[in-house]
């Protein structure tokens, strides 16, 4: 049975439809002192596929409870689908005395599951932190689907060099256009990010900026502003994980973005395509 965390209900429903597996109805409650209780009172199967985007600390705990509830209800196998894994970008100790938070979280998740399916991790090496088999699947090819069919001489840009492969992937599926990237530097003490435009010609072209995650929107907004200064036509933003924390969506709109498209690994208004098909293939 598919067991959904509260953060992944649409994706879980789509995954149940894609696989033909039954969908368990989970319940999410709070005790008066604020403690969480996630349960699956009608679960009845020998395998549980727990789907939960851990977009908050509460979601992490909810995932652990659902894993345990499935075991308690008789599941012989628990498979955990991480559409989005919070803390996964904290994959190193950047200063003395800091934890490797991604490793700590992965170990906790591993304790309640037999297998993990992880959608488009920010750093692939995070999969090695799990103590159980972890398969990564890539939802970035799906990002071409919601784009307009008639982009004008399109240019697909990664906001930094590491994202150019994502841009190439989306371009290849779209079937036309060039790729390039911006050069980005981050100050780990202040968190400030500076973006320098690449050498690609953007004048009178539609531009698609492709990234794995849009979190605060600051880097993407700077990139969009730089494109506008260089005479680009319409600019679209697309990402696998539309976290869009705080005022990120407003930042992007103010920067002049035409539209934002993401998948349902993080369920937001901009989730224009479902990752269910790539997860189903892994299952």
Protein backbone atom coordinates (compact mmCIF):
# COMPACT_ATOMS: atom_id res chain seq x y z
CA UNK A 1 0.00 0.00 0.00
CA UNK A 2 1.02 3.59 -0.65
CA UNK A 3 1.25 5.52 2.63
CA UNK A 4 1.31 9.30 2.29
CA UNK A 5 2.89 11.85 4.55
CA UNK A 6 0.88 15.05 4.90
CA UNK A 7 3.36 16.87 2.65
CA UNK A 8 3.03 14.44 -0.29
CA UNK A 9 -0.67 13.69 -0.69
CA UNK A 10 -1.00 14.64 -4.37
CA UNK A 11 2.15 12.75 -5.35
CA UNK A 12 1.02 9.70 -3.35
CA UNK A 13 -2.35 9.69 -5.09
CA UNK A 14 -0.66 10.00 -8.48
CA UNK A 15 1.75 7.20 -7.56
CA UNK A 16 -1.13 4.93 -6.52
CA UNK A 17 -2.83 5.60 -9.86
CA UNK A 18 0.43 5.00 -11.75
CA UNK A 19 1.22 1.69 -10.02
CA UNK A 20 -2.27 0.36 -9.31
CA UNK A 21 -1.33 0.01 -5.63
CA UNK A 22 -3.97 0.81 -2.99
CA UNK A 23 -3.66 4.12 -1.16
CA UNK A 24 -3.83 4.04 2.63
CA UNK A 25 -5.57 6.97 4.31
CA UNK A 26 -3.20 8.33 6.94
CA UNK A 27 -4.26 10.53 9.82
CA UNK A 28 -2.19 13.40 11.18
CA UNK A 29 -2.87 14.71 14.69
CA UNK A 30 -1.29 16.77 17.45
CA UNK A 31 -1.42 16.17 21.19
CA UNK A 32 -2.18 19.17 23.43
CA UNK A 33 1.54 19.60 24.18
CA UNK A 34 2.29 19.89 20.46
CA UNK A 35 3.66 16.40 19.89
CA UNK A 36 2.78 14.79 16.56
CA UNK A 37 0.93 11.55 15.87
CA UNK A 38 0.82 10.15 12.33
CA UNK A 39 -1.11 6.89 11.97
CA UNK A 40 -2.56 4.54 9.34
CA UNK A 41 -5.52 2.85 11.06
CA UNK A 42 -6.71 0.98 7.96
CA UNK A 43 -3.32 -0.29 6.75
CA UNK A 44 -3.45 -3.96 5.75
CA UNK A 45 -0.62 -5.14 3.50
CA UNK A 46 2.75 -6.85 3.69
CA UNK A 47 4.54 -3.93 1.98
CA UNK A 48 4.31 -0.23 2.75
CA UNK A 49 5.59 2.46 0.39
CA UNK A 50 5.88 5.54 2.59
CA UNK A 51 5.98 8.76 0.55
CA UNK A 52 6.95 11.89 2.45
CA UNK A 53 8.72 15.07 1.39
CA UNK A 54 10.59 16.15 4.51
CA UNK A 55 10.12 19.87 4.01
CA UNK A 56 10.18 20.59 7.76
CA UNK A 57 11.44 19.05 10.98
CA UNK A 58 7.85 17.98 11.74
CA UNK A 59 7.70 16.19 8.38
CA UNK A 60 10.88 14.28 9.27
CA UNK A 61 9.28 13.05 12.49
CA UNK A 62 6.03 12.25 10.68
CA UNK A 63 7.97 10.07 8.24
CA UNK A 64 9.61 8.13 11.07
CA UNK A 65 6.22 7.60 12.71
CA UNK A 66 4.63 6.34 9.48
CA UNK A 67 7.50 3.89 8.95
CA UNK A 68 7.02 2.56 12.47
CA UNK A 69 3.23 2.48 12.16
CA UNK A 70 3.52 0.35 9.02
CA UNK A 71 5.79 -2.13 10.82
CA UNK A 72 3.43 -2.19 13.78
CA UNK A 73 0.53 -2.93 11.42
CA UNK A 74 2.33 -5.96 10.00
CA UNK A 75 4.30 -4.72 7.00
CA UNK A 76 7.16 -7.09 6.26
CA UNK A 77 8.82 -4.58 3.93
CA UNK A 78 8.94 -0.79 4.17
CA UNK A 79 10.07 1.25 1.18
CA UNK A 80 10.60 4.97 1.78
CA UNK A 81 10.18 7.44 -1.07
CA UNK A 82 11.88 10.78 -0.46
CA UNK A 83 10.48 13.16 -3.07
CA UNK A 84 12.46 15.90 -1.34
CA UNK A 85 14.84 15.44 1.58
CA UNK A 86 15.24 18.33 3.96
CA UNK A 87 18.76 18.96 5.29
CA UNK A 88 20.22 17.22 2.23
CA UNK A 89 22.18 20.34 1.25
CA UNK A 90 23.99 20.19 4.61
CA UNK A 91 26.17 17.40 3.25
CA UNK A 92 29.44 18.64 4.77
CA UNK A 93 30.62 20.19 8.01
CA UNK A 94 31.38 23.69 6.75
CA UNK A 95 32.86 24.87 10.06
CA UNK A 96 34.54 23.17 13.02
CA UNK A 97 31.99 21.66 15.38
CA UNK A 98 29.16 21.52 12.85
CA UNK A 99 27.32 18.25 12.08
CA UNK A 100 26.89 16.64 8.70
CA UNK A 101 23.13 17.01 9.02
CA UNK A 102 22.32 15.08 5.84
CA UNK A 103 24.13 12.07 7.28
CA UNK A 104 22.34 12.31 10.62
CA UNK A 105 18.95 12.51 8.91
CA UNK A 106 19.75 9.66 6.51
CA UNK A 107 20.73 7.40 9.40
CA UNK A 108 17.48 8.13 11.20
CA UNK A 109 15.42 7.37 8.08
CA UNK A 110 17.41 4.18 7.48
CA UNK A 111 16.47 2.83 10.90
CA UNK A 112 12.83 2.34 9.87
CA UNK A 113 13.03 1.20 6.26
CA UNK A 114 14.41 -1.54 4.03
CA UNK A 115 15.01 0.63 0.98
CA UNK A 116 14.97 4.29 -0.08
CA UNK A 117 13.97 5.86 -3.40
CA UNK A 118 15.35 9.40 -3.54
CA UNK A 119 14.22 11.88 -6.22
CA UNK A 120 16.90 14.14 -7.76
CA UNK A 121 19.17 14.73 -4.76
CA UNK A 122 21.05 18.04 -4.73
CA UNK A 123 24.26 16.06 -4.21
CA UNK A 124 24.26 12.41 -5.32
CA UNK A 125 26.73 11.50 -2.59
CA UNK A 126 24.01 12.03 0.02
CA UNK A 127 22.61 8.65 -1.09
CA UNK A 128 25.74 7.05 0.38
CA UNK A 129 24.79 8.26 3.87
CA UNK A 130 21.91 5.78 4.11
CA UNK A 131 22.47 2.47 5.88
CA UNK A 132 20.05 0.69 3.53
CA UNK A 133 20.00 0.46 -0.29
CA UNK A 134 19.20 3.89 -1.76
CA UNK A 135 18.24 4.36 -5.40
CA UNK A 136 18.21 7.85 -6.88
CA UNK A 137 15.81 8.72 -9.70
CA UNK A 138 15.81 11.86 -11.80
CA UNK A 139 12.67 13.92 -12.40
CA UNK A 140 14.41 16.70 -14.34
CA UNK A 141 13.44 15.34 -17.82
CA UNK A 142 9.81 16.00 -16.84
CA UNK A 143 10.47 19.74 -16.64
CA UNK A 144 10.22 20.16 -20.40
CA UNK A 145 6.54 19.12 -20.38
CA UNK A 146 4.93 22.32 -19.03
CA UNK A 147 7.04 24.70 -21.13
CA UNK A 148 5.35 26.58 -24.01
CA UNK A 149 5.60 24.65 -27.26
CA UNK A 150 6.88 27.61 -29.27
CA UNK A 151 9.77 29.20 -27.41
CA UNK A 152 11.67 31.73 -29.51
CA UNK A 153 15.27 30.55 -30.14
CA UNK A 154 15.40 29.18 -26.59
CA UNK A 155 18.40 29.19 -24.31
CA UNK A 156 18.40 26.81 -21.33
CA UNK A 157 20.55 28.14 -18.50
CA UNK A 158 21.76 26.60 -15.26
CA UNK A 159 22.21 29.16 -12.46
CA UNK A 160 25.69 27.70 -11.91
CA UNK A 161 28.04 25.28 -13.65
CA UNK A 162 26.79 22.28 -11.65
CA UNK A 163 23.28 22.81 -13.02
CA UNK A 164 24.24 22.87 -16.70
CA UNK A 165 23.64 19.11 -16.94
CA UNK A 166 20.07 19.72 -15.79
CA UNK A 167 19.70 22.44 -18.40
CA UNK A 168 21.01 20.09 -21.08
CA UNK A 169 18.59 17.37 -19.97
CA UNK A 170 15.57 19.68 -20.21
CA UNK A 171 16.78 21.08 -23.55
CA UNK A 172 17.21 17.58 -24.98
CA UNK A 173 13.67 16.58 -24.01
CA UNK A 174 12.28 19.88 -25.28
CA UNK A 175 14.06 19.26 -28.58
CA UNK A 176 15.51 22.69 -29.43
CA UNK A 177 17.80 25.38 -28.08
CA UNK A 178 21.24 25.96 -26.61
CA UNK A 179 22.56 25.59 -23.06
CA UNK A 180 24.86 27.57 -20.81
CA UNK A 181 25.20 28.56 -17.16
CA UNK A 182 25.79 31.45 -14.80
CA UNK A 183 28.82 31.69 -12.56
CA UNK A 184 27.76 31.84 -8.91
CA UNK A 185 29.77 32.44 -5.73
CA UNK A 186 28.43 32.06 -2.20
CA UNK A 187 29.75 33.58 1.04
CA UNK A 188 29.16 30.83 3.64
CA UNK A 189 29.53 33.30 6.52
CA UNK A 190 26.85 35.75 5.35
CA UNK A 191 24.90 33.52 2.96
CA UNK A 192 25.15 36.20 0.24
CA UNK A 193 25.26 34.95 -3.35
CA UNK A 194 26.62 36.83 -6.36
CA UNK A 195 25.76 35.85 -9.91
CA UNK A 196 27.78 36.82 -12.97
CA UNK A 197 26.19 36.44 -16.41
CA UNK A 198 27.72 33.89 -18.74
CA UNK A 199 28.97 34.68 -22.22
CA UNK A 200 25.89 33.28 -23.95
CA UNK A 201 23.96 35.66 -26.14
CA UNK A 202 20.44 36.13 -24.73
CA UNK A 203 19.23 39.14 -26.68
CA UNK A 204 15.81 38.58 -28.29
CA UNK A 205 15.71 34.98 -27.06
CA UNK A 206 13.37 33.17 -24.68
CA UNK A 207 15.32 31.84 -21.72
CA UNK A 208 14.58 28.89 -19.42
CA UNK A 209 16.54 28.89 -16.16
CA UNK A 210 16.78 25.32 -14.86
CA UNK A 211 17.76 24.25 -11.34
CA UNK A 212 17.15 21.29 -9.04
CA UNK A 213 15.82 23.46 -6.18
CA UNK A 214 14.40 26.95 -5.90
CA UNK A 215 14.54 27.69 -2.17
CA UNK A 216 14.65 31.39 -1.28
CA UNK A 217 14.60 32.50 -4.92
CA UNK A 218 17.48 34.92 -4.39
CA UNK A 219 19.92 33.31 -6.83
CA UNK A 220 17.25 32.75 -9.44
CA UNK A 221 16.03 36.35 -9.12
CA UNK A 222 19.55 37.70 -9.64
CA UNK A 223 19.92 35.51 -12.71
CA UNK A 224 16.60 36.71 -14.13
CA UNK A 225 17.54 40.34 -13.49
CA UNK A 226 20.84 39.86 -15.32
CA UNK A 227 19.00 38.36 -18.30
CA UNK A 228 16.58 41.28 -18.47
CA UNK A 229 19.51 43.70 -18.51
CA UNK A 230 20.91 41.87 -21.52
CA UNK A 231 17.76 42.03 -23.61
CA UNK A 232 16.22 38.59 -23.14
CA UNK A 233 12.61 38.06 -24.16
CA UNK A 234 10.43 35.95 -21.84
CA UNK A 235 12.23 34.21 -18.98
CA UNK A 236 10.87 31.03 -17.39
CA UNK A 237 12.09 29.29 -14.26
CA UNK A 238 11.81 25.54 -13.87
CA UNK A 239 13.00 23.25 -11.09
CA UNK A 240 12.45 19.76 -9.71
CA UNK A 241 11.90 20.92 -6.11
CA UNK A 242 9.89 24.18 -5.81
CA UNK A 243 10.56 24.85 -2.12
CA UNK A 244 9.82 28.58 -2.59
CA UNK A 245 10.41 29.51 1.03
CA UNK A 246 9.22 32.83 2.43
CA UNK A 247 8.76 35.48 -0.24
CA UNK A 248 10.57 33.54 -2.98
CA UNK A 249 7.63 33.61 -5.38
CA UNK A 250 7.29 37.38 -5.00
CA UNK A 251 11.01 37.85 -5.62
CA UNK A 252 10.77 35.93 -8.86
CA UNK A 253 7.72 37.88 -10.02
CA UNK A 254 9.40 41.18 -9.18
CA UNK A 255 12.48 40.11 -11.14
CA UNK A 256 10.30 39.73 -14.23
CA UNK A 257 9.87 35.98 -14.47
CA UNK A 258 7.17 34.94 -16.94
CA UNK A 259 6.26 31.67 -15.17
CA UNK A 260 7.64 29.16 -12.69
CA UNK A 261 7.23 25.41 -13.18
CA UNK A 262 8.12 22.62 -10.77
CA UNK A 263 7.24 19.02 -9.98
CA UNK A 264 5.16 17.74 -7.07
CA UNK A 265 8.17 16.52 -5.08
CA UNK A 266 7.36 19.65 -3.08
CA UNK A 267 3.66 20.36 -3.50
CA UNK A 268 3.19 24.00 -4.41
CA UNK A 269 0.92 26.03 -6.68
CA UNK A 270 3.65 25.87 -9.37
CA UNK A 271 3.81 22.04 -9.33
CA UNK A 272 2.89 21.59 -12.97
CA UNK A 273 4.05 18.01 -13.48
CA UNK A 274 4.13 14.88 -11.31
CA UNK A 275 7.22 12.85 -10.47
CA UNK A 276 5.01 9.76 -10.02
CA UNK A 277 6.13 8.14 -13.28
CA UNK A 278 9.85 8.08 -12.40
CA UNK A 279 9.14 6.88 -8.86
CA UNK A 280 6.81 4.17 -10.19
CA UNK A 281 9.55 2.91 -12.49
CA UNK A 282 11.88 2.53 -9.50
CA UNK A 283 9.24 0.70 -7.48
